[in-house]
Amino acid sequence: MDLFFYITIIVALSLIYYGYDKKKSYELKMKKIELEGKRLDLELKKAENGTFSAEQERND
């Protein structure tokens, strides 16, 4: 009975950690997507205003 109890506790803690890890990974991906969207908006505004530098044009 004691062995079953310890195995249950270990499995429960593992599942809790796995869920926590996935949540943090998801939040990080969302922040990266949000940052990429802001970067694209900034590039679009620069293109509309014609403020691209020659260096940026060479990289594209």
N, C-alpha and C. Protein backbone atom coordinates (compact mmCIF):
# COMPACT_ATOMS: atom_id res chain seq x y z
N MET A 1 0.82 -1.19 0.00
CA MET A 1 0.00 0.00 0.00
C MET A 1 0.87 1.26 0.00
N ASP A 2 1.97 1.23 0.71
CA ASP A 2 2.84 2.40 0.77
C ASP A 2 3.48 2.69 -0.59
N LEU A 3 3.88 1.65 -1.30
CA LEU A 3 4.50 1.83 -2.61
C LEU A 3 3.52 2.47 -3.58
N PHE A 4 2.29 2.02 -3.57
CA PHE A 4 1.25 2.59 -4.44
C PHE A 4 1.04 4.08 -4.12
N PHE A 5 1.05 4.44 -2.86
CA PHE A 5 0.88 5.83 -2.43
C PHE A 5 2.01 6.70 -2.97
N TYR A 6 3.25 6.26 -2.84
CA TYR A 6 4.38 7.04 -3.30
C TYR A 6 4.40 7.17 -4.83
N ILE A 7 4.04 6.12 -5.51
CA ILE A 7 3.97 6.18 -6.97
C ILE A 7 2.90 7.17 -7.40
N THR A 8 1.76 7.18 -6.72
CA THR A 8 0.69 8.12 -7.02
C THR A 8 1.14 9.56 -6.81
N ILE A 9 1.84 9.81 -5.73
CA ILE A 9 2.35 11.16 -5.43
C ILE A 9 3.35 11.59 -6.50
N ILE A 10 4.25 10.71 -6.88
CA ILE A 10 5.26 11.04 -7.90
C ILE A 10 4.60 11.34 -9.23
N VAL A 11 3.62 10.55 -9.62
CA VAL A 11 2.92 10.78 -10.88
C VAL A 11 2.15 12.10 -10.82
N ALA A 12 1.50 12.38 -9.72
CA ALA A 12 0.74 13.63 -9.59
C ALA A 12 1.67 14.84 -9.69
N LEU A 13 2.79 14.81 -9.01
CA LEU A 13 3.73 15.92 -9.07
C LEU A 13 4.32 16.07 -10.47
N SER A 14 4.56 14.97 -11.14
CA SER A 14 5.07 15.02 -12.51
C SER A 14 4.07 15.67 -13.45
N LEU A 15 2.81 15.33 -13.30
CA LEU A 15 1.77 15.92 -14.14
C LEU A 15 1.61 17.41 -13.87
N ILE A 16 1.70 17.81 -12.62
CA ILE A 16 1.61 19.23 -12.27
C ILE A 16 2.78 19.99 -12.89
N TYR A 17 3.98 19.44 -12.78
CA TYR A 17 5.15 20.09 -13.37
C TYR A 17 5.03 20.17 -14.89
N TYR A 18 4.58 19.12 -15.52
CA TYR A 18 4.42 19.09 -16.97
C TYR A 18 3.43 20.18 -17.42
N GLY A 19 2.34 20.33 -16.71
CA GLY A 19 1.36 21.36 -17.03
C GLY A 19 1.93 22.75 -16.85
N TYR A 20 2.69 22.96 -15.79
CA TYR A 20 3.33 24.24 -15.54
C TYR A 20 4.33 24.57 -16.64
N ASP A 21 5.12 23.59 -17.05
CA ASP A 21 6.12 23.79 -18.09
C ASP A 21 5.46 24.13 -19.43
N LYS A 22 4.40 23.44 -19.77
CA LYS A 22 3.68 23.72 -21.01
C LYS A 22 3.05 25.11 -20.99
N LYS A 23 2.54 25.53 -19.84
CA LYS A 23 1.93 26.85 -19.73
C LYS A 23 2.97 27.93 -19.96
N LYS A 24 4.14 27.78 -19.37
CA LYS A 24 5.21 28.77 -19.54
C LYS A 24 5.68 28.79 -21.00
N SER A 25 5.77 27.65 -21.62
CA SER A 25 6.18 27.56 -23.02
C SER A 25 5.15 28.27 -23.91
N TYR A 26 3.89 28.07 -23.63
CA TYR A 26 2.81 28.70 -24.39
C TYR A 26 2.86 30.21 -24.24
N GLU A 27 3.07 30.70 -23.00
CA GLU A 27 3.14 32.13 -22.76
C GLU A 27 4.32 32.75 -23.49
N LEU A 28 5.45 32.06 -23.51
CA LEU A 28 6.63 32.55 -24.21
C LEU A 28 6.37 32.65 -25.71
N LYS A 29 5.72 31.65 -26.28
CA LYS A 29 5.40 31.68 -27.71
C LYS A 29 4.46 32.84 -28.02
N MET A 30 3.49 33.09 -27.16
CA MET A 30 2.55 34.19 -27.38
C MET A 30 3.27 35.53 -27.35
N LYS A 31 4.21 35.70 -26.43
CA LYS A 31 4.96 36.95 -26.35
C LYS A 31 5.84 37.13 -27.57
N LYS A 32 6.43 36.05 -28.09
CA LYS A 32 7.25 36.15 -29.30
C LYS A 32 6.39 36.56 -30.49
N ILE A 33 5.19 35.99 -30.60
CA ILE A 33 4.29 36.33 -31.70
C ILE A 33 3.86 37.79 -31.60
N GLU A 34 3.56 38.24 -30.38
CA GLU A 34 3.16 39.63 -30.17
C GLU A 34 4.30 40.58 -30.53
N LEU A 35 5.52 40.24 -30.14
CA LEU A 35 6.68 41.06 -30.45
C LEU A 35 6.92 41.11 -31.96
N GLU A 36 6.77 39.99 -32.63
CA GLU A 36 6.93 39.95 -34.09
C GLU A 36 5.88 40.82 -34.77
N GLY A 37 4.67 40.80 -34.27
CA GLY A 37 3.61 41.65 -34.82
C GLY A 37 3.93 43.12 -34.66
N LYS A 38 4.44 43.50 -33.50
CA LYS A 38 4.82 44.90 -33.27
C LYS A 38 5.97 45.30 -34.18
N ARG A 39 6.92 44.40 -34.40
CA ARG A 39 8.05 44.68 -35.27
C ARG A 39 7.58 44.90 -36.71
N LEU A 40 6.64 44.05 -37.15
CA LEU A 40 6.11 44.21 -38.50
C LEU A 40 5.34 45.51 -38.66
N ASP A 41 4.58 45.89 -37.64
CA ASP A 41 3.87 47.16 -37.68
C ASP A 41 4.84 48.33 -37.78
N LEU A 42 5.93 48.27 -37.04
CA LEU A 42 6.94 49.32 -37.08
C LEU A 42 7.58 49.40 -38.45
N GLU A 43 7.90 48.26 -39.05
CA GLU A 43 8.49 48.26 -40.39
C GLU A 43 7.51 48.81 -41.42
N LEU A 44 6.22 48.50 -41.25
CA LEU A 44 5.21 49.01 -42.16
C LEU A 44 5.12 50.53 -42.06
N LYS A 45 5.15 51.06 -40.85
CA LYS A 45 5.10 52.51 -40.66
C LYS A 45 6.34 53.17 -41.25
N LYS A 46 7.50 52.54 -41.08
CA LYS A 46 8.73 53.09 -41.67
C LYS A 46 8.63 53.10 -43.18
N ALA A 47 8.08 52.03 -43.75
CA ALA A 47 7.95 51.95 -45.21
C ALA A 47 6.98 53.02 -45.72
N GLU A 48 5.92 53.26 -45.00
CA GLU A 48 4.95 54.28 -45.40
C GLU A 48 5.55 55.67 -45.36
N ASN A 49 6.43 55.91 -44.40
CA ASN A 49 7.05 57.21 -44.26
C ASN A 49 8.31 57.34 -45.11
N GLY A 50 8.77 56.25 -45.68
CA GLY A 50 9.96 56.29 -46.51
C GLY A 50 11.24 56.48 -45.72
N THR A 51 11.29 55.94 -44.51
CA THR A 51 12.47 56.14 -43.67
C THR A 51 13.35 54.90 -43.60
N PHE A 52 13.25 54.01 -44.59
CA PHE A 52 14.14 52.86 -44.62
C PHE A 52 15.55 53.34 -44.90
N SER A 53 16.49 52.81 -44.20
CA SER A 53 17.88 53.16 -44.48
C SER A 53 18.41 52.29 -45.60
N ALA A 54 19.50 52.69 -46.18
CA ALA A 54 20.10 51.94 -47.28
C ALA A 54 20.55 50.57 -46.81
N GLU A 55 20.96 50.47 -45.56
CA GLU A 55 21.41 49.19 -45.02
C GLU A 55 20.27 48.19 -44.95
N GLN A 56 19.09 48.62 -44.52
CA GLN A 56 17.95 47.74 -44.46
C GLN A 56 17.54 47.28 -45.85
N GLU A 57 17.63 48.15 -46.84
CA GLU A 57 17.26 47.78 -48.19
C GLU A 57 18.23 46.74 -48.75
N ARG A 58 19.51 46.85 -48.39
CA ARG A 58 20.49 45.87 -48.85
C ARG A 58 20.24 44.50 -48.23
N ASN A 59 19.76 44.46 -46.98
CA ASN A 59 19.50 43.19 -46.32
C ASN A 59 18.30 42.47 -46.91
N ASP A 60 17.35 43.20 -47.45
CA ASP A 60 16.16 42.58 -48.04
C ASP A 60 16.49 42.15 -49.41
